[in-house]
Amino acid sequence: MKGTYLLFIKLTESVEIRIRGKTHLLNEGYYIYIGSAFGVGGLSSRLHRHLRKIKKKHWHIDQITTSKFSEIIGIGVLLKQRVECELSKTIGDIKKTVPITGFGNSGCKKKCISHFFRVS
């Protein structure tokens, strides 16, 4: 199956990541990542990849999911729906979220600010 997914992530300690040459410090706490899987293998392949700690770092989110301080605490799935940008906008409009600018949206055609949010 293909579709859009949300990863609910807990950082138990601060993590430093690099996006487009800029270093970001992600404080310990809760985060939401919105992604989509419409390629070969679909959702099953993509989600199993995210759950592995050891892997080649291909996407921004890999910098977090490979950290010993990160834990995926939940997964949401919208089957057969390509709504990554719409979900990012909706989550970004929630007052208790803060976008990590430029994260996870490098291929975004709708010019989203981010597809990764800190939840306070």
C-alpha atoms as a PDB file:
ATOM      1  CA  MET A   1       0.000   0.000   0.000  1.00  0.00           C
ATOM      2  CA  LYS A   2       1.033   3.568  -0.634  1.00  0.00           C
ATOM      3  CA  GLY A   3       0.116   6.721   1.250  1.00  0.00           C
ATOM      4  CA  THR A   4       1.094   9.463   3.658  1.00  0.00           C
ATOM      5  CA  TYR A   5       2.394   8.823   7.158  1.00  0.00           C
ATOM      6  CA  LEU A   6       3.218  10.627  10.390  1.00  0.00           C
ATOM      7  CA  LEU A   7       6.041   9.627  12.713  1.00  0.00           C
ATOM      8  CA  PHE A   8       5.652  10.623  16.347  1.00  0.00           C
ATOM      9  CA  ILE A   9       9.162  10.894  17.762  1.00  0.00           C
ATOM     10  CA  LYS A  10      10.525  11.408  21.257  1.00  0.00           C
ATOM     11  CA  LEU A  11      14.047  12.765  21.763  1.00  0.00           C
ATOM     12  CA  THR A  12      15.377  11.825  25.186  1.00  0.00           C
ATOM     13  CA  GLU A  13      18.340  14.236  24.831  1.00  0.00           C
ATOM     14  CA  SER A  14      19.216  17.097  22.503  1.00  0.00           C
ATOM     15  CA  VAL A  15      20.370  16.136  18.999  1.00  0.00           C
ATOM     16  CA  GLU A  16      22.369  18.210  16.495  1.00  0.00           C
ATOM     17  CA  ILE A  17      21.476  17.860  12.807  1.00  0.00           C
ATOM     18  CA  ARG A  18      22.615  19.565   9.592  1.00  0.00           C
ATOM     19  CA  ILE A  19      20.232  20.750   6.907  1.00  0.00           C
ATOM     20  CA  ARG A  20      21.584  22.448   3.793  1.00  0.00           C
ATOM     21  CA  GLY A  21      24.828  23.315   5.558  1.00  0.00           C
ATOM     22  CA  LYS A  22      23.134  24.774   8.648  1.00  0.00           C
ATOM     23  CA  THR A  23      23.337  23.146  12.080  1.00  0.00           C
ATOM     24  CA  HIS A  24      20.156  22.850  14.139  1.00  0.00           C
ATOM     25  CA  LEU A  25      19.954  21.853  17.781  1.00  0.00           C
ATOM     26  CA  LEU A  26      16.801  19.853  18.468  1.00  0.00           C
ATOM     27  CA  ASN A  27      16.002  19.920  22.162  1.00  0.00           C
ATOM     28  CA  GLU A  28      14.747  16.900  24.019  1.00  0.00           C
ATOM     29  CA  GLY A  29      10.995  16.524  23.621  1.00  0.00           C
ATOM     30  CA  TYR A  30       8.344  15.453  21.144  1.00  0.00           C
ATOM     31  CA  TYR A  31       8.293  15.867  17.360  1.00  0.00           C
ATOM     32  CA  ILE A  32       6.080  14.996  14.396  1.00  0.00           C
ATOM     33  CA  TYR A  33       7.429  14.147  10.950  1.00  0.00           C
ATOM     34  CA  ILE A  34       5.137  13.965   7.913  1.00  0.00           C
ATOM     35  CA  GLY A  35       6.224  11.877   4.942  1.00  0.00           C
ATOM     36  CA  SER A  36       4.822   9.967   2.009  1.00  0.00           C
ATOM     37  CA  ALA A  37       5.569   6.636   0.390  1.00  0.00           C
ATOM     38  CA  PHE A  38       4.378   6.246  -3.184  1.00  0.00           C
ATOM     39  CA  GLY A  39       7.444   4.512  -4.604  1.00  0.00           C
ATOM     40  CA  VAL A  40       8.487   0.881  -4.787  1.00  0.00           C
ATOM     41  CA  GLY A  41       7.682  -0.918  -1.543  1.00  0.00           C
ATOM     42  CA  GLY A  42       5.219   1.740  -0.403  1.00  0.00           C
ATOM     43  CA  LEU A  43       4.451   2.367   3.243  1.00  0.00           C
ATOM     44  CA  SER A  44       5.658  -0.985   4.548  1.00  0.00           C
ATOM     45  CA  SER A  45       9.146  -0.558   3.131  1.00  0.00           C
ATOM     46  CA  ARG A  46       9.453   3.101   4.154  1.00  0.00           C
ATOM     47  CA  LEU A  47       8.191   2.622   7.709  1.00  0.00           C
ATOM     48  CA  HIS A  48      10.387  -0.424   8.324  1.00  0.00           C
ATOM     49  CA  ARG A  49      13.335   1.650   7.123  1.00  0.00           C
ATOM     50  CA  HIS A  50      12.506   4.478   9.531  1.00  0.00           C
ATOM     51  CA  LEU A  51      12.337   1.997  12.416  1.00  0.00           C
ATOM     52  CA  ARG A  52      15.889   0.725  11.762  1.00  0.00           C
ATOM     53  CA  LYS A  53      18.686   2.480  13.658  1.00  0.00           C
ATOM     54  CA  ILE A  54      21.422   1.357  11.278  1.00  0.00           C
ATOM     55  CA  LYS A  55      21.030   2.598   7.703  1.00  0.00           C
ATOM     56  CA  LYS A  56      22.549   4.923   5.151  1.00  0.00           C
ATOM     57  CA  LYS A  57      21.445   8.505   5.869  1.00  0.00           C
ATOM     58  CA  HIS A  58      19.440   9.459   2.791  1.00  0.00           C
ATOM     59  CA  TRP A  59      16.686  11.784   4.052  1.00  0.00           C
ATOM     60  CA  HIS A  60      16.763  14.542   6.696  1.00  0.00           C
ATOM     61  CA  ILE A  61      14.740  12.363   9.074  1.00  0.00           C
ATOM     62  CA  ASP A  62      17.491   9.714   8.985  1.00  0.00           C
ATOM     63  CA  GLN A  63      19.695  12.037  11.055  1.00  0.00           C
ATOM     64  CA  ILE A  64      17.126  11.740  13.822  1.00  0.00           C
ATOM     65  CA  THR A  65      15.950   8.145  13.519  1.00  0.00           C
ATOM     66  CA  THR A  66      19.566   6.879  13.661  1.00  0.00           C
ATOM     67  CA  SER A  67      20.259   8.771  16.899  1.00  0.00           C
ATOM     68  CA  LYS A  68      20.475   6.749  20.098  1.00  0.00           C
ATOM     69  CA  PHE A  69      18.431   9.552  21.694  1.00  0.00           C
ATOM     70  CA  SER A  70      15.414   9.137  19.400  1.00  0.00           C
ATOM     71  CA  GLU A  71      12.481   6.788  19.664  1.00  0.00           C
ATOM     72  CA  ILE A  72       9.529   6.463  17.301  1.00  0.00           C
ATOM     73  CA  ILE A  73       6.622   6.305  19.740  1.00  0.00           C
ATOM     74  CA  GLY A  74       3.793   6.206  17.209  1.00  0.00           C
ATOM     75  CA  ILE A  75       2.928   6.023  13.523  1.00  0.00           C
ATOM     76  CA  GLY A  76      -0.144   7.351  11.733  1.00  0.00           C
ATOM     77  CA  VAL A  77      -1.038   6.299   8.193  1.00  0.00           C
ATOM     78  CA  LEU A  78      -3.416   7.658   5.558  1.00  0.00           C
ATOM     79  CA  LEU A  79      -3.704   4.964   2.901  1.00  0.00           C
ATOM     80  CA  LYS A  80      -3.787   5.929  -0.777  1.00  0.00           C
ATOM     81  CA  GLN A  81      -3.781   9.649   0.069  1.00  0.00           C
ATOM     82  CA  ARG A  82      -1.113  12.112  -1.069  1.00  0.00           C
ATOM     83  CA  VAL A  83      -1.676  14.730   1.644  1.00  0.00           C
ATOM     84  CA  GLU A  84       1.811  15.362   3.026  1.00  0.00           C
ATOM     85  CA  CYS A  85       1.705  19.117   2.375  1.00  0.00           C
ATOM     86  CA  GLU A  86      -1.868  19.536   3.596  1.00  0.00           C
ATOM     87  CA  LEU A  87      -1.001  17.763   6.864  1.00  0.00           C
ATOM     88  CA  SER A  88       2.134  19.892   7.246  1.00  0.00           C
ATOM     89  CA  LYS A  89       0.084  23.063   6.867  1.00  0.00           C
ATOM     90  CA  THR A  90      -2.565  21.839   9.319  1.00  0.00           C
ATOM     91  CA  ILE A  91      -0.006  20.790  11.930  1.00  0.00           C
ATOM     92  CA  GLY A  92       1.927  24.029  11.395  1.00  0.00           C
ATOM     93  CA  ASP A  93      -1.232  26.000  12.184  1.00  0.00           C
ATOM     94  CA  ILE A  94      -1.531  24.397  15.630  1.00  0.00           C
ATOM     95  CA  LYS A  95      -0.305  26.863  18.258  1.00  0.00           C
ATOM     96  CA  LYS A  96       1.657  24.250  20.207  1.00  0.00           C
ATOM     97  CA  THR A  97       3.871  23.259  17.261  1.00  0.00           C
ATOM     98  CA  VAL A  98       7.077  24.855  16.007  1.00  0.00           C
ATOM     99  CA  PRO A  99       8.314  24.043  12.482  1.00  0.00           C
ATOM    100  CA  ILE A 100      11.939  23.023  12.011  1.00  0.00           C
ATOM    101  CA  THR A 101      12.406  25.213   8.930  1.00  0.00           C
ATOM    102  CA  GLY A 102      13.607  23.459   5.792  1.00  0.00           C
ATOM    103  CA  PHE A 103      13.384  19.980   7.294  1.00  0.00           C
ATOM    104  CA  GLY A 104      11.929  17.147   5.217  1.00  0.00           C
ATOM    105  CA  ASN A 105      10.522  19.373   2.513  1.00  0.00           C
ATOM    106  CA  SER A 106      13.351  19.593  -0.016  1.00  0.00           C
ATOM    107  CA  GLY A 107      11.195  17.910  -2.676  1.00  0.00           C
ATOM    108  CA  CYS A 108       8.071  19.854  -1.741  1.00  0.00           C
ATOM    109  CA  LYS A 109       6.348  21.467  -4.704  1.00  0.00           C
ATOM    110  CA  LYS A 110       3.950  23.484  -2.527  1.00  0.00           C
ATOM    111  CA  LYS A 111       6.774  25.364  -0.776  1.00  0.00           C
ATOM    112  CA  CYS A 112       5.940  24.153   2.738  1.00  0.00           C
ATOM    113  CA  ILE A 113       8.020  25.694   5.523  1.00  0.00           C
ATOM    114  CA  SER A 114       8.676  22.258   7.013  1.00  0.00           C
ATOM    115  CA  HIS A 115       7.446  18.692   7.269  1.00  0.00           C
ATOM    116  CA  PHE A 116       8.917  18.324  10.780  1.00  0.00           C
ATOM    117  CA  PHE A 117       7.569  19.985  13.923  1.00  0.00           C
ATOM    118  CA  ARG A 118       8.400  20.231  17.593  1.00  0.00           C
ATOM    119  CA  VAL A 119       5.344  19.768  19.798  1.00  0.00           C
ATOM    120  CA  SER A 120       5.336  21.733  23.056  1.00  0.00           C
END
